[in-house]
Amino acid sequence: MNTTARFLSIAAVAAFASFGAHADEADGSQFATQFETNRTRAEVQAEAATVATTRSIEPLGSRVVTYKSTADRAAVRAEAARALRAGEILPGERG
């Protein structure tokens, strides 16, 4: 009987707590945004056009740095072969 009373009291507390979770309106009207504006559509579009030119849509750090190499392909391959023979690099890094 003691466990039954304990189970029923826990169930009653849980049921009482669940009523507080459903105390709001069902349509979610508390989240509706209320605002009034006196700006025209043309003013808003003009502002949007100036903002678009001042902000970059490119993600930060996405630009790749490019440079013109002065090294010769044959010289680079020869250096890699020399480093491989000297044991400075592993065979998979010769590439």
C-alpha atoms as a PDB file:
ATOM      1  CA  MET A   1       0.000   0.000   0.000  1.00  0.00           C
ATOM      2  CA  ASN A   2       2.908   2.332   0.680  1.00  0.00           C
ATOM      3  CA  THR A   3       4.235   1.990  -2.878  1.00  0.00           C
ATOM      4  CA  THR A   4       0.751   2.526  -4.310  1.00  0.00           C
ATOM      5  CA  ALA A   5       0.333   5.757  -2.348  1.00  0.00           C
ATOM      6  CA  ARG A   6       3.782   6.924  -3.394  1.00  0.00           C
ATOM      7  CA  PHE A   7       3.052   6.139  -7.055  1.00  0.00           C
ATOM      8  CA  LEU A   8      -0.280   7.991  -6.935  1.00  0.00           C
ATOM      9  CA  SER A   9       1.272  11.044  -5.283  1.00  0.00           C
ATOM     10  CA  ILE A  10       4.019  11.178  -7.921  1.00  0.00           C
ATOM     11  CA  ALA A  11       1.392  10.875 -10.666  1.00  0.00           C
ATOM     12  CA  ALA A  12      -0.660  13.688  -9.087  1.00  0.00           C
ATOM     13  CA  VAL A  13       2.376  15.991  -8.930  1.00  0.00           C
ATOM     14  CA  ALA A  14       3.238  15.204 -12.545  1.00  0.00           C
ATOM     15  CA  ALA A  15      -0.337  15.879 -13.684  1.00  0.00           C
ATOM     16  CA  PHE A  16      -0.425  19.164 -11.763  1.00  0.00           C
ATOM     17  CA  ALA A  17       2.886  20.249 -13.307  1.00  0.00           C
ATOM     18  CA  SER A  18       1.694  19.426 -16.813  1.00  0.00           C
ATOM     19  CA  PHE A  19      -1.261  21.830 -16.496  1.00  0.00           C
ATOM     20  CA  GLY A  20       1.152  24.766 -16.247  1.00  0.00           C
ATOM     21  CA  ALA A  21       2.804  23.797 -19.503  1.00  0.00           C
ATOM     22  CA  HIS A  22      -0.465  24.105 -21.441  1.00  0.00           C
ATOM     23  CA  ALA A  23      -1.719  27.365 -19.943  1.00  0.00           C
ATOM     24  CA  ASP A  24      -1.069  29.477 -23.053  1.00  0.00           C
ATOM     25  CA  GLU A  25      -3.206  30.124 -26.102  1.00  0.00           C
ATOM     26  CA  ALA A  26      -3.306  27.381 -28.694  1.00  0.00           C
ATOM     27  CA  ASP A  27      -2.732  29.642 -31.705  1.00  0.00           C
ATOM     28  CA  GLY A  28       0.599  31.039 -30.536  1.00  0.00           C
ATOM     29  CA  SER A  29      -0.543  34.644 -30.816  1.00  0.00           C
ATOM     30  CA  GLN A  30       1.931  35.737 -28.134  1.00  0.00           C
ATOM     31  CA  PHE A  31       4.677  35.297 -30.742  1.00  0.00           C
ATOM     32  CA  ALA A  32       3.030  37.474 -33.401  1.00  0.00           C
ATOM     33  CA  THR A  33       5.110  40.516 -34.275  1.00  0.00           C
ATOM     34  CA  GLN A  34       3.215  43.769 -34.037  1.00  0.00           C
ATOM     35  CA  PHE A  35       4.721  46.814 -35.745  1.00  0.00           C
ATOM     36  CA  GLU A  36       3.682  49.875 -37.639  1.00  0.00           C
ATOM     37  CA  THR A  37       5.776  51.583 -40.248  1.00  0.00           C
ATOM     38  CA  ASN A  38       5.587  54.862 -42.066  1.00  0.00           C
ATOM     39  CA  ARG A  39       8.324  54.152 -44.614  1.00  0.00           C
ATOM     40  CA  THR A  40       7.501  53.544 -48.230  1.00  0.00           C
ATOM     41  CA  ARG A  41       8.513  50.477 -50.160  1.00  0.00           C
ATOM     42  CA  ALA A  42      10.916  52.541 -52.295  1.00  0.00           C
ATOM     43  CA  GLU A  43      12.736  53.828 -49.182  1.00  0.00           C
ATOM     44  CA  VAL A  44      13.218  50.323 -47.858  1.00  0.00           C
ATOM     45  CA  GLN A  45      14.473  49.049 -51.215  1.00  0.00           C
ATOM     46  CA  ALA A  46      16.904  51.969 -51.525  1.00  0.00           C
ATOM     47  CA  GLU A  47      18.319  51.217 -48.081  1.00  0.00           C
ATOM     48  CA  ALA A  48      18.630  47.527 -48.913  1.00  0.00           C
ATOM     49  CA  ALA A  49      20.563  48.375 -52.071  1.00  0.00           C
ATOM     50  CA  THR A  50      23.113  50.448 -50.126  1.00  0.00           C
ATOM     51  CA  VAL A  51      23.538  47.774 -47.466  1.00  0.00           C
ATOM     52  CA  ALA A  52      24.181  45.116 -50.107  1.00  0.00           C
ATOM     53  CA  THR A  53      27.081  47.100 -51.550  1.00  0.00           C
ATOM     54  CA  THR A  54      28.705  47.747 -48.177  1.00  0.00           C
ATOM     55  CA  ARG A  55      28.570  44.178 -46.851  1.00  0.00           C
ATOM     56  CA  SER A  56      30.345  41.162 -48.204  1.00  0.00           C
ATOM     57  CA  ILE A  57      28.407  37.942 -48.655  1.00  0.00           C
ATOM     58  CA  GLU A  58      31.640  35.997 -48.919  1.00  0.00           C
ATOM     59  CA  PRO A  59      32.298  33.841 -45.833  1.00  0.00           C
ATOM     60  CA  LEU A  60      35.239  34.896 -43.728  1.00  0.00           C
ATOM     61  CA  GLY A  61      38.387  32.963 -44.593  1.00  0.00           C
ATOM     62  CA  SER A  62      37.049  31.467 -47.801  1.00  0.00           C
ATOM     63  CA  ARG A  63      39.373  33.375 -50.086  1.00  0.00           C
ATOM     64  CA  VAL A  64      42.297  31.333 -51.331  1.00  0.00           C
ATOM     65  CA  VAL A  65      45.626  33.084 -51.616  1.00  0.00           C
ATOM     66  CA  THR A  66      47.119  32.556 -55.056  1.00  0.00           C
ATOM     67  CA  TYR A  67      50.605  33.329 -56.202  1.00  0.00           C
ATOM     68  CA  LYS A  68      52.712  32.758 -59.274  1.00  0.00           C
ATOM     69  CA  SER A  69      55.379  30.151 -58.701  1.00  0.00           C
ATOM     70  CA  THR A  70      58.832  30.646 -60.144  1.00  0.00           C
ATOM     71  CA  ALA A  71      59.913  27.044 -59.535  1.00  0.00           C
ATOM     72  CA  ASP A  72      60.465  24.684 -62.436  1.00  0.00           C
ATOM     73  CA  ARG A  73      58.531  21.403 -62.387  1.00  0.00           C
ATOM     74  CA  ALA A  74      61.638  19.346 -63.155  1.00  0.00           C
ATOM     75  CA  ALA A  75      63.579  21.056 -60.373  1.00  0.00           C
ATOM     76  CA  VAL A  76      60.840  20.316 -57.835  1.00  0.00           C
ATOM     77  CA  ARG A  77      60.715  16.650 -58.869  1.00  0.00           C
ATOM     78  CA  ALA A  78      64.491  16.374 -58.650  1.00  0.00           C
ATOM     79  CA  GLU A  79      64.462  17.903 -55.168  1.00  0.00           C
ATOM     80  CA  ALA A  80      61.742  15.459 -54.070  1.00  0.00           C
ATOM     81  CA  ALA A  81      63.729  12.504 -55.398  1.00  0.00           C
ATOM     82  CA  ARG A  82      66.843  13.740 -53.604  1.00  0.00           C
ATOM     83  CA  ALA A  83      64.918  14.166 -50.315  1.00  0.00           C
ATOM     84  CA  LEU A  84      63.478  10.660 -50.695  1.00  0.00           C
ATOM     85  CA  ARG A  85      66.930   9.123 -51.213  1.00  0.00           C
ATOM     86  CA  ALA A  86      68.286  11.060 -48.217  1.00  0.00           C
ATOM     87  CA  GLY A  87      65.438   9.782 -46.026  1.00  0.00           C
ATOM     88  CA  GLU A  88      64.076  13.287 -45.361  1.00  0.00           C
ATOM     89  CA  ILE A  89      60.588  12.392 -46.593  1.00  0.00           C
ATOM     90  CA  LEU A  90      58.540   9.203 -46.815  1.00  0.00           C
ATOM     91  CA  PRO A  91      57.738   7.622 -50.210  1.00  0.00           C
ATOM     92  CA  GLY A  92      54.086   8.673 -50.024  1.00  0.00           C
ATOM     93  CA  GLU A  93      55.001  12.345 -49.649  1.00  0.00           C
ATOM     94  CA  ARG A  94      56.909  12.479 -52.913  1.00  0.00           C
ATOM     95  CA  GLY A  95      53.669  12.608 -54.725  1.00  0.00           C
END
